[in-house]
């Protein structure tokens, strides 16, 4: 009986320590040291929250930069990849559909999570013509769109992880702002 009481007390102690004290301390430190990130890295435009830097949104309009496709239809609850095999006829069909829409490079394939908010700078450059046509931009304005993309390139993490990337939400907000000012 004495051993059972000790074991139960030890279980209760470590449950409180690791379940409440530790998680409370980590949550408190993150709220103080990394407040913006701890609250979802929310993006505010015009005084209202328009999204998160960490979760892709489905921009469908031809006048916007498109993110990578999502196998989960940009829903964070059942997020994940499609699990299609490289030899899958369904995957090949989806790629052909995306090519017909003018998608190239990384826009042909869904990201592993289905919620990746970034595209490569090259994929952004590939979309300039479609966006310019939809927004009625003149040829002399295309260089401004290219410069806008370059200003929004995020370099490799810690200088060595991944590749340069562009956050689609931030880029589209900047594009709206640029074209609003230009008119």
N, C-alpha and C. Protein backbone atom coordinates (compact mmCIF):
# COMPACT_ATOMS: atom_id res chain seq x y z
N UNK A 1 0.82 -1.20 0.00
CA UNK A 1 0.00 0.00 0.00
C UNK A 1 0.87 1.26 0.00
N UNK A 2 1.94 1.21 0.80
CA UNK A 2 2.85 2.36 0.89
C UNK A 2 3.48 2.66 -0.47
N UNK A 3 3.84 1.63 -1.20
CA UNK A 3 4.44 1.79 -2.52
C UNK A 3 3.43 2.38 -3.50
N UNK A 4 2.20 1.94 -3.43
CA UNK A 4 1.15 2.46 -4.32
C UNK A 4 0.90 3.94 -4.07
N UNK A 5 0.91 4.35 -2.81
CA UNK A 5 0.69 5.77 -2.47
C UNK A 5 1.85 6.61 -3.00
N UNK A 6 3.08 6.11 -2.83
CA UNK A 6 4.25 6.84 -3.35
C UNK A 6 4.19 6.95 -4.88
N UNK A 7 3.84 5.85 -5.51
CA UNK A 7 3.76 5.84 -6.97
C UNK A 7 2.68 6.81 -7.44
N UNK A 8 1.54 6.84 -6.77
CA UNK A 8 0.46 7.75 -7.13
C UNK A 8 0.87 9.20 -6.89
N UNK A 9 1.57 9.46 -5.78
CA UNK A 9 2.05 10.82 -5.49
C UNK A 9 3.07 11.26 -6.53
N UNK A 10 3.96 10.35 -6.93
CA UNK A 10 4.96 10.68 -7.95
C UNK A 10 4.28 10.96 -9.29
N UNK A 11 3.30 10.14 -9.63
CA UNK A 11 2.54 10.35 -10.87
C UNK A 11 1.85 11.71 -10.85
N UNK A 12 1.20 12.04 -9.75
CA UNK A 12 0.51 13.32 -9.62
C UNK A 12 1.50 14.49 -9.70
N UNK A 13 2.64 14.36 -9.02
CA UNK A 13 3.66 15.41 -9.04
C UNK A 13 4.16 15.67 -10.46
N UNK A 14 4.54 14.61 -11.17
CA UNK A 14 5.07 14.80 -12.53
C UNK A 14 3.99 15.21 -13.52
N UNK A 15 2.76 14.79 -13.29
CA UNK A 15 1.66 15.25 -14.14
C UNK A 15 1.48 16.75 -13.99
N UNK A 16 1.50 17.24 -12.76
CA UNK A 16 1.39 18.68 -12.53
C UNK A 16 2.60 19.43 -13.07
N UNK A 17 3.80 18.86 -12.83
CA UNK A 17 5.03 19.52 -13.29
C UNK A 17 5.09 19.62 -14.81
N UNK A 18 4.90 18.51 -15.48
CA UNK A 18 5.03 18.52 -16.95
C UNK A 18 3.76 18.95 -17.66
N UNK A 19 2.62 18.71 -17.06
CA UNK A 19 1.35 19.05 -17.71
C UNK A 19 0.91 20.48 -17.49
N UNK A 20 1.22 21.05 -16.35
CA UNK A 20 0.77 22.41 -16.05
C UNK A 20 1.92 23.40 -15.90
N UNK A 21 2.86 23.10 -15.02
CA UNK A 21 3.93 24.06 -14.74
C UNK A 21 4.80 24.29 -15.98
N UNK A 22 5.30 23.21 -16.58
CA UNK A 22 6.17 23.35 -17.75
C UNK A 22 5.44 24.00 -18.92
N UNK A 23 4.25 23.49 -19.27
CA UNK A 23 3.54 24.07 -20.41
C UNK A 23 3.12 25.50 -20.13
N UNK A 24 2.76 25.81 -18.89
CA UNK A 24 2.42 27.19 -18.54
C UNK A 24 3.63 28.11 -18.67
N UNK A 25 4.80 27.62 -18.24
CA UNK A 25 6.02 28.43 -18.35
C UNK A 25 6.39 28.66 -19.81
N UNK A 26 6.33 27.63 -20.62
CA UNK A 26 6.67 27.77 -22.04
C UNK A 26 5.69 28.71 -22.73
N UNK A 27 4.40 28.57 -22.43
CA UNK A 27 3.39 29.45 -23.02
C UNK A 27 3.62 30.89 -22.58
N UNK A 28 3.93 31.09 -21.30
CA UNK A 28 4.18 32.45 -20.79
C UNK A 28 5.41 33.08 -21.42
N UNK A 29 6.50 32.33 -21.53
CA UNK A 29 7.72 32.85 -22.14
C UNK A 29 7.46 33.17 -23.61
N UNK A 30 6.77 32.29 -24.32
CA UNK A 30 6.52 32.56 -25.74
C UNK A 30 5.61 33.76 -25.92
N UNK A 31 4.64 33.95 -25.03
CA UNK A 31 3.75 35.10 -25.13
C UNK A 31 4.50 36.41 -24.91
N UNK A 32 5.53 36.37 -24.07
CA UNK A 32 6.31 37.58 -23.80
C UNK A 32 7.40 37.78 -24.85
N UNK A 33 8.17 36.73 -25.12
CA UNK A 33 9.32 36.86 -26.01
C UNK A 33 8.94 36.82 -27.49
N UNK A 34 7.91 36.09 -27.83
CA UNK A 34 7.51 35.92 -29.24
C UNK A 34 6.01 36.15 -29.38
N UNK A 35 5.54 37.28 -28.94
CA UNK A 35 4.10 37.53 -28.87
C UNK A 35 3.40 37.39 -30.21
N UNK A 36 3.95 37.97 -31.26
CA UNK A 36 3.31 37.92 -32.56
C UNK A 36 3.22 36.48 -33.08
N UNK A 37 4.31 35.74 -32.95
CA UNK A 37 4.32 34.36 -33.43
C UNK A 37 3.42 33.47 -32.56
N UNK A 38 3.42 33.70 -31.24
CA UNK A 38 2.60 32.88 -30.35
C UNK A 38 1.11 33.09 -30.60
N UNK A 39 0.78 34.22 -31.18
CA UNK A 39 -0.63 34.51 -31.47
C UNK A 39 -0.99 34.26 -32.93
N UNK A 40 -0.18 33.49 -33.65
CA UNK A 40 -0.54 33.04 -34.98
C UNK A 40 0.08 33.80 -36.13
N UNK A 41 1.02 34.72 -35.89
CA UNK A 41 1.66 35.50 -36.96
C UNK A 41 0.60 36.12 -37.87
N UNK A 42 -0.36 36.78 -37.24
CA UNK A 42 -1.48 37.36 -37.99
C UNK A 42 -1.04 38.55 -38.82
N UNK A 43 -1.64 38.68 -39.99
CA UNK A 43 -1.35 39.78 -40.91
C UNK A 43 -2.54 40.74 -40.85
N UNK A 44 -2.24 42.01 -40.57
CA UNK A 44 -3.28 43.03 -40.46
C UNK A 44 -3.15 43.98 -41.64
N UNK A 45 -4.27 44.27 -42.27
CA UNK A 45 -4.31 45.22 -43.38
C UNK A 45 -5.57 46.05 -43.24
N UNK A 46 -5.42 47.35 -43.31
CA UNK A 46 -6.58 48.22 -43.20
C UNK A 46 -7.25 48.12 -41.85
N UNK A 47 -6.48 47.81 -40.81
CA UNK A 47 -7.03 47.73 -39.46
C UNK A 47 -7.75 46.44 -39.13
N UNK A 48 -7.70 45.46 -40.03
CA UNK A 48 -8.36 44.19 -39.72
C UNK A 48 -7.45 43.02 -40.08
N UNK A 49 -7.64 41.91 -39.39
CA UNK A 49 -6.85 40.71 -39.64
C UNK A 49 -7.33 40.09 -40.96
N UNK A 50 -6.37 39.87 -41.87
CA UNK A 50 -6.70 39.30 -43.18
C UNK A 50 -6.15 37.89 -43.37
N UNK A 51 -5.38 37.41 -42.41
CA UNK A 51 -4.84 36.07 -42.53
C UNK A 51 -3.64 35.87 -41.63
N UNK A 52 -2.94 34.79 -41.86
CA UNK A 52 -1.73 34.46 -41.12
C UNK A 52 -0.59 34.26 -42.11
N UNK A 53 0.61 34.63 -41.69
CA UNK A 53 1.79 34.41 -42.53
C UNK A 53 2.09 32.93 -42.69
N UNK A 54 1.51 32.10 -41.83
CA UNK A 54 1.88 30.70 -41.78
C UNK A 54 0.91 29.75 -42.49
N UNK A 55 -0.25 30.26 -42.91
CA UNK A 55 -1.26 29.41 -43.54
C UNK A 55 -1.67 30.02 -44.87
N UNK A 56 -1.59 29.24 -45.92
CA UNK A 56 -1.93 29.72 -47.26
C UNK A 56 -3.42 30.02 -47.37
N UNK A 57 -3.72 30.95 -48.25
CA UNK A 57 -5.11 31.25 -48.61
C UNK A 57 -5.27 30.97 -50.09
N UNK A 58 -6.48 30.63 -50.48
CA UNK A 58 -6.73 30.28 -51.87
C UNK A 58 -7.10 31.53 -52.67
N UNK A 59 -6.11 32.15 -53.25
CA UNK A 59 -6.35 33.29 -54.14
C UNK A 59 -6.69 32.72 -55.51
N UNK A 60 -7.92 32.93 -55.96
CA UNK A 60 -8.35 32.35 -57.24
C UNK A 60 -8.37 33.38 -58.36
N UNK A 61 -8.49 34.65 -58.03
CA UNK A 61 -8.61 35.67 -59.06
C UNK A 61 -7.38 35.74 -59.94
N UNK A 62 -7.55 35.98 -61.23
CA UNK A 62 -6.41 36.05 -62.14
C UNK A 62 -5.50 37.24 -61.87
N UNK A 63 -5.97 38.22 -61.12
CA UNK A 63 -5.16 39.39 -60.81
C UNK A 63 -4.32 39.25 -59.56
N UNK A 64 -4.24 38.04 -59.03
CA UNK A 64 -3.46 37.79 -57.81
C UNK A 64 -2.46 36.67 -58.03
N UNK A 65 -1.41 36.69 -57.21
CA UNK A 65 -0.46 35.59 -57.21
C UNK A 65 -1.17 34.40 -56.57
N UNK A 66 -1.00 33.24 -57.17
CA UNK A 66 -1.62 32.03 -56.66
C UNK A 66 -0.63 31.26 -55.81
N UNK A 67 -1.10 30.65 -54.72
CA UNK A 67 -0.22 29.79 -53.92
C UNK A 67 -0.13 28.40 -54.55
N UNK A 68 0.63 27.55 -53.91
CA UNK A 68 0.67 26.16 -54.37
C UNK A 68 -0.70 25.53 -54.15
N UNK A 69 -1.07 24.56 -54.96
CA UNK A 69 -2.37 23.90 -54.76
C UNK A 69 -2.43 23.21 -53.40
N UNK A 70 -3.63 22.99 -52.92
CA UNK A 70 -3.82 22.33 -51.64
C UNK A 70 -4.67 21.08 -51.82
N UNK A 71 -4.17 19.95 -51.33
CA UNK A 71 -4.95 18.71 -51.39
C UNK A 71 -6.10 18.77 -50.39
N UNK A 72 -6.02 19.67 -49.40
CA UNK A 72 -7.05 19.79 -48.37
C UNK A 72 -7.93 21.01 -48.60
N UNK A 73 -7.91 21.59 -49.79
CA UNK A 73 -8.70 22.76 -50.13
C UNK A 73 -8.48 23.91 -49.14
N UNK A 74 -7.25 24.08 -48.69
CA UNK A 74 -6.83 25.16 -47.81
C UNK A 74 -7.55 25.13 -46.46
N UNK A 75 -8.04 23.98 -46.05
CA UNK A 75 -8.68 23.81 -44.75
C UNK A 75 -7.65 23.25 -43.78
N UNK A 76 -7.36 23.96 -42.67
CA UNK A 76 -6.31 23.50 -41.76
C UNK A 76 -6.68 22.27 -40.94
N UNK A 77 -7.96 21.93 -40.84
CA UNK A 77 -8.34 20.78 -40.00
C UNK A 77 -7.91 19.45 -40.60
N UNK A 78 -8.24 19.14 -41.85
CA UNK A 78 -7.77 17.88 -42.41
C UNK A 78 -6.54 18.06 -43.28
N UNK A 79 -5.64 18.96 -42.91
CA UNK A 79 -4.52 19.29 -43.79
C UNK A 79 -3.65 18.07 -44.04
N UNK A 80 -3.02 18.08 -45.18
CA UNK A 80 -2.12 17.01 -45.54
C UNK A 80 -2.01 16.89 -47.04
N UNK A 81 -1.10 16.07 -47.45
CA UNK A 81 -0.90 15.86 -48.88
C UNK A 81 -1.95 14.92 -49.45
N UNK A 82 -1.89 14.74 -50.74
CA UNK A 82 -2.87 13.90 -51.43
C UNK A 82 -2.51 12.42 -51.35
N UNK A 83 -1.25 12.12 -51.12
CA UNK A 83 -0.73 10.75 -51.10
C UNK A 83 -0.86 10.04 -52.44
N UNK A 84 -0.95 10.81 -53.53
CA UNK A 84 -0.95 10.19 -54.85
C UNK A 84 0.45 9.68 -55.14
N UNK A 85 0.51 8.51 -55.73
CA UNK A 85 1.80 7.97 -56.16
C UNK A 85 2.27 8.75 -57.38
N UNK A 86 3.59 8.86 -57.60
CA UNK A 86 4.08 9.56 -58.78
C UNK A 86 3.52 8.98 -60.09
N UNK A 87 3.13 7.72 -60.06
CA UNK A 87 2.60 7.07 -61.26
C UNK A 87 1.07 7.17 -61.36
N UNK A 88 0.44 7.88 -60.42
CA UNK A 88 -1.02 7.96 -60.37
C UNK A 88 -1.60 8.71 -61.56
N UNK A 89 -2.63 8.13 -62.16
CA UNK A 89 -3.33 8.79 -63.27
C UNK A 89 -4.06 10.04 -62.77
N UNK A 90 -4.56 9.99 -61.53
CA UNK A 90 -5.25 11.17 -60.97
C UNK A 90 -4.28 12.33 -60.80
N UNK A 91 -3.07 12.04 -60.30
CA UNK A 91 -2.07 13.09 -60.14
C UNK A 91 -1.71 13.68 -61.49
N UNK A 92 -1.51 12.84 -62.47
CA UNK A 92 -1.18 13.31 -63.82
C UNK A 92 -2.31 14.19 -64.37
N UNK A 93 -3.56 13.80 -64.12
CA UNK A 93 -4.70 14.59 -64.57
C UNK A 93 -4.73 15.97 -63.92
N UNK A 94 -4.44 16.01 -62.61
CA UNK A 94 -4.41 17.30 -61.89
C UNK A 94 -3.29 18.19 -62.42
N UNK A 95 -2.14 17.59 -62.70
CA UNK A 95 -1.02 18.37 -63.23
C UNK A 95 -1.38 18.94 -64.60
N UNK A 96 -2.02 18.15 -65.44
CA UNK A 96 -2.43 18.64 -66.76
C UNK A 96 -3.44 19.78 -66.64
N UNK A 97 -4.39 19.66 -65.69
CA UNK A 97 -5.36 20.75 -65.46
C UNK A 97 -4.64 22.02 -65.04
N UNK A 98 -3.68 21.88 -64.13
CA UNK A 98 -2.95 23.05 -63.63
C UNK A 98 -2.11 23.68 -64.73
N UNK A 99 -1.54 22.86 -65.61
CA UNK A 99 -0.77 23.41 -66.73
C UNK A 99 -1.65 24.21 -67.67
N UNK A 100 -2.90 23.75 -67.87
CA UNK A 100 -3.84 24.49 -68.72
C UNK A 100 -4.14 25.87 -68.14
N UNK A 101 -4.08 26.00 -66.82
CA UNK A 101 -4.31 27.29 -66.16
C UNK A 101 -3.07 28.18 -66.20
N UNK A 102 -1.98 27.66 -66.76
CA UNK A 102 -0.76 28.43 -66.86
C UNK A 102 0.16 28.27 -65.67
N UNK A 103 -0.10 27.28 -64.83
CA UNK A 103 0.76 27.06 -63.67
C UNK A 103 2.05 26.38 -64.11
N UNK A 104 3.12 26.74 -63.45
CA UNK A 104 4.42 26.15 -63.74
C UNK A 104 5.13 25.84 -62.43
N UNK A 105 6.22 25.16 -62.53
CA UNK A 105 7.12 24.86 -61.43
C UNK A 105 6.40 24.30 -60.20
N UNK A 106 6.64 24.92 -59.03
CA UNK A 106 6.07 24.38 -57.80
C UNK A 106 4.56 24.57 -57.69
N UNK A 107 3.95 25.30 -58.59
CA UNK A 107 2.49 25.46 -58.56
C UNK A 107 1.77 24.25 -59.14
N UNK A 108 2.51 23.32 -59.70
CA UNK A 108 1.90 22.12 -60.26
C UNK A 108 1.58 21.09 -59.19
N UNK A 109 2.28 21.13 -58.07
CA UNK A 109 2.16 20.10 -57.05
C UNK A 109 1.72 20.70 -55.72
N UNK A 110 0.82 20.00 -55.02
CA UNK A 110 0.38 20.43 -53.70
C UNK A 110 1.54 20.27 -52.72
N UNK A 111 1.58 21.14 -51.72
CA UNK A 111 2.60 21.01 -50.69
C UNK A 111 2.23 19.85 -49.76
N UNK A 112 3.17 19.40 -48.97
CA UNK A 112 2.93 18.26 -48.09
C UNK A 112 1.81 18.54 -47.09
N UNK A 113 1.75 19.75 -46.56
CA UNK A 113 0.70 20.09 -45.59
C UNK A 113 -0.57 20.55 -46.27
N UNK A 114 -0.45 21.02 -47.51
CA UNK A 114 -1.60 21.61 -48.19
C UNK A 114 -1.86 23.04 -47.77
N UNK A 115 -1.00 23.58 -46.91
CA UNK A 115 -1.21 24.93 -46.37
C UNK A 115 0.02 25.82 -46.51
N UNK A 116 0.96 25.43 -47.34
CA UNK A 116 2.21 26.16 -47.48
C UNK A 116 1.96 27.57 -48.00
N UNK A 117 2.32 28.61 -47.22
CA UNK A 117 2.02 29.99 -47.64
C UNK A 117 3.03 30.58 -48.61
N UNK A 118 4.07 29.84 -48.94
CA UNK A 118 5.15 30.37 -49.77
C UNK A 118 5.19 29.70 -51.14
N UNK A 119 5.71 30.46 -52.10
CA UNK A 119 6.06 29.92 -53.41
C UNK A 119 7.49 30.37 -53.70
N UNK A 120 8.10 29.76 -54.69
CA UNK A 120 9.44 30.18 -55.07
C UNK A 120 9.36 31.52 -55.80
N UNK A 121 10.43 32.31 -55.77
CA UNK A 121 10.42 33.55 -56.55
C UNK A 121 10.17 33.28 -58.03
N UNK A 122 10.70 32.17 -58.54
CA UNK A 122 10.50 31.83 -59.95
C UNK A 122 9.02 31.61 -60.25
N UNK A 123 8.31 30.95 -59.34
CA UNK A 123 6.87 30.72 -59.54
C UNK A 123 6.11 32.04 -59.52
N UNK A 124 6.58 32.98 -58.72
CA UNK A 124 5.96 34.32 -58.70
C UNK A 124 6.22 35.04 -60.02
N UNK A 125 7.46 34.97 -60.50
CA UNK A 125 7.79 35.62 -61.78
C UNK A 125 6.97 35.02 -62.93
N UNK A 126 6.73 33.70 -62.88
CA UNK A 126 5.95 33.04 -63.93
C UNK A 126 4.51 33.55 -64.01
N UNK A 127 4.02 34.17 -62.96
CA UNK A 127 2.62 34.62 -62.92
C UNK A 127 2.43 36.08 -63.32
N UNK A 128 3.51 36.79 -63.58
CA UNK A 128 3.42 38.23 -63.85
C UNK A 128 2.53 38.54 -65.05
N UNK A 129 2.69 37.81 -66.14
CA UNK A 129 1.92 38.11 -67.35
C UNK A 129 0.42 37.99 -67.11
N UNK A 130 0.01 36.92 -66.42
CA UNK A 130 -1.41 36.72 -66.14
C UNK A 130 -1.96 37.85 -65.26
N UNK A 131 -1.20 38.22 -64.25
CA UNK A 131 -1.62 39.28 -63.33
C UNK A 131 -1.69 40.62 -64.05
N UNK A 132 -0.68 40.90 -64.87
CA UNK A 132 -0.66 42.17 -65.62
C UNK A 132 -1.85 42.26 -66.55
N UNK A 133 -2.17 41.17 -67.21
CA UNK A 133 -3.31 41.16 -68.12
C UNK A 133 -4.62 41.38 -67.36
N UNK A 134 -4.78 40.71 -66.22
CA UNK A 134 -6.02 40.83 -65.44
C UNK A 134 -6.18 42.21 -64.83
N UNK A 135 -5.07 42.84 -64.46
CA UNK A 135 -5.13 44.15 -63.81
C UNK A 135 -4.99 45.30 -64.80
N UNK A 136 -4.77 44.97 -66.06
CA UNK A 136 -4.63 46.02 -67.07
C UNK A 136 -3.35 46.82 -66.91
N UNK A 137 -2.29 46.15 -66.47
CA UNK A 137 -1.01 46.84 -66.30
C UNK A 137 -0.31 46.98 -67.65
N UNK A 138 0.35 48.08 -67.82
CA UNK A 138 1.10 48.33 -69.06
C UNK A 138 2.49 47.70 -68.95
N UNK A 139 3.14 47.56 -70.09
CA UNK A 139 4.47 46.94 -70.12
C UNK A 139 5.45 47.65 -69.20
N UNK A 140 5.37 48.97 -69.12
CA UNK A 140 6.32 49.70 -68.27
C UNK A 140 6.05 49.48 -66.79
N UNK A 141 4.92 48.89 -66.42
CA UNK A 141 4.62 48.60 -65.02
C UNK A 141 5.08 47.20 -64.60
N UNK A 142 5.45 46.37 -65.56
CA UNK A 142 5.87 45.01 -65.24
C UNK A 142 7.15 44.99 -64.42
N UNK A 143 8.05 45.92 -64.69
CA UNK A 143 9.30 45.97 -63.90
C UNK A 143 9.00 46.30 -62.45
N UNK A 144 7.95 47.08 -62.19
CA UNK A 144 7.57 47.39 -60.81
C UNK A 144 7.05 46.14 -60.10
N UNK A 145 6.34 45.29 -60.83
CA UNK A 145 5.84 44.03 -60.25
C UNK A 145 7.02 43.10 -59.97
N UNK A 146 7.99 43.05 -60.89
CA UNK A 146 9.19 42.23 -60.66
C UNK A 146 9.95 42.72 -59.43
N UNK A 147 10.08 44.03 -59.30
CA UNK A 147 10.76 44.61 -58.14
C UNK A 147 10.00 44.30 -56.85
N UNK A 148 8.68 44.31 -56.93
CA UNK A 148 7.84 43.99 -55.77
C UNK A 148 8.11 42.56 -55.31
N UNK A 149 8.20 41.65 -56.26
CA UNK A 149 8.51 40.25 -55.92
C UNK A 149 9.87 40.18 -55.24
N UNK A 150 10.87 40.82 -55.82
CA UNK A 150 12.22 40.78 -55.25
C UNK A 150 12.26 41.35 -53.84
N UNK A 151 11.46 42.38 -53.58
CA UNK A 151 11.41 42.97 -52.23
C UNK A 151 10.77 42.02 -51.22
N UNK A 152 9.98 41.08 -51.69
CA UNK A 152 9.29 40.17 -50.78
C UNK A 152 9.93 38.79 -50.69
N UNK A 153 11.09 38.62 -51.29
CA UNK A 153 11.78 37.33 -51.18
C UNK A 153 12.35 37.20 -49.77
N UNK A 154 11.99 36.11 -49.11
CA UNK A 154 12.55 35.77 -47.80
C UNK A 154 13.71 34.82 -48.06
N UNK A 155 14.87 35.15 -47.53
CA UNK A 155 16.06 34.33 -47.78
C UNK A 155 15.97 33.01 -47.00
N UNK A 156 16.94 32.15 -47.25
CA UNK A 156 17.00 30.87 -46.55
C UNK A 156 16.96 31.10 -45.04
N UNK A 157 16.31 30.18 -44.33
CA UNK A 157 16.26 30.27 -42.88
C UNK A 157 17.65 30.03 -42.32
N UNK A 158 18.06 30.89 -41.43
CA UNK A 158 19.39 30.83 -40.80
C UNK A 158 20.51 30.81 -41.84
N UNK A 159 20.22 31.27 -43.04
CA UNK A 159 21.20 31.35 -44.09
C UNK A 159 21.55 30.04 -44.76
N UNK A 160 20.89 28.92 -44.35
CA UNK A 160 21.26 27.64 -44.93
C UNK A 160 20.10 26.67 -45.14
N UNK A 161 18.96 26.91 -44.52
CA UNK A 161 17.85 25.96 -44.63
C UNK A 161 16.86 26.38 -45.71
N UNK A 162 16.52 25.47 -46.58
CA UNK A 162 15.53 25.74 -47.62
C UNK A 162 16.07 26.62 -48.72
N UNK A 163 15.15 27.21 -49.45
CA UNK A 163 15.48 28.10 -50.56
C UNK A 163 14.77 29.43 -50.34
N UNK A 164 15.14 30.43 -51.14
CA UNK A 164 14.43 31.69 -51.09
C UNK A 164 12.96 31.46 -51.42
N UNK A 165 12.09 32.22 -50.76
CA UNK A 165 10.65 32.00 -50.95
C UNK A 165 9.90 33.31 -50.81
N UNK A 166 8.67 33.34 -51.29
CA UNK A 166 7.84 34.53 -51.25
C UNK A 166 6.53 34.17 -50.56
N UNK A 167 6.13 34.95 -49.56
CA UNK A 167 4.85 34.74 -48.90
C UNK A 167 3.75 35.32 -49.78
N UNK A 168 2.84 34.47 -50.24
CA UNK A 168 1.82 34.87 -51.21
C UNK A 168 0.86 35.91 -50.64
N UNK A 169 0.44 35.75 -49.40
CA UNK A 169 -0.48 36.72 -48.80
C UNK A 169 0.16 38.10 -48.73
N UNK A 170 1.37 38.16 -48.21
CA UNK A 170 2.07 39.46 -48.11
C UNK A 170 2.29 40.07 -49.50
N UNK A 171 2.65 39.24 -50.46
CA UNK A 171 2.89 39.73 -51.82
C UNK A 171 1.61 40.28 -52.44
N UNK A 172 0.49 39.59 -52.26
CA UNK A 172 -0.77 40.06 -52.82
C UNK A 172 -1.25 41.35 -52.15
N UNK A 173 -1.04 41.47 -50.85
CA UNK A 173 -1.40 42.72 -50.17
C UNK A 173 -0.56 43.88 -50.70
N UNK A 174 0.74 43.62 -50.89
CA UNK A 174 1.62 44.66 -51.43
C UNK A 174 1.24 44.99 -52.88
N UNK A 175 0.85 43.99 -53.65
CA UNK A 175 0.42 44.22 -55.03
C UNK A 175 -0.82 45.10 -55.06
N UNK A 176 -1.78 44.81 -54.19
CA UNK A 176 -2.98 45.66 -54.11
C UNK A 176 -2.61 47.09 -53.76
N UNK A 177 -1.71 47.24 -52.81
CA UNK A 177 -1.28 48.58 -52.38
C UNK A 177 -0.56 49.31 -53.52
N UNK A 178 0.35 48.62 -54.19
CA UNK A 178 1.10 49.22 -55.30
C UNK A 178 0.18 49.67 -56.42
N UNK A 179 -0.74 48.79 -56.82
CA UNK A 179 -1.60 49.13 -57.95
C UNK A 179 -2.63 50.19 -57.56
N UNK A 180 -3.00 50.23 -56.28
CA UNK A 180 -3.91 51.29 -55.81
C UNK A 180 -3.21 52.64 -55.90
N UNK A 181 -1.95 52.68 -55.49
CA UNK A 181 -1.17 53.93 -55.53
C UNK A 181 -0.92 54.36 -56.97
N UNK A 182 -0.64 53.38 -57.86
CA UNK A 182 -0.30 53.69 -59.26
C UNK A 182 -1.48 54.26 -60.04
N UNK A 183 -2.69 53.99 -59.60
CA UNK A 183 -3.87 54.45 -60.36
C UNK A 183 -4.23 55.87 -60.07
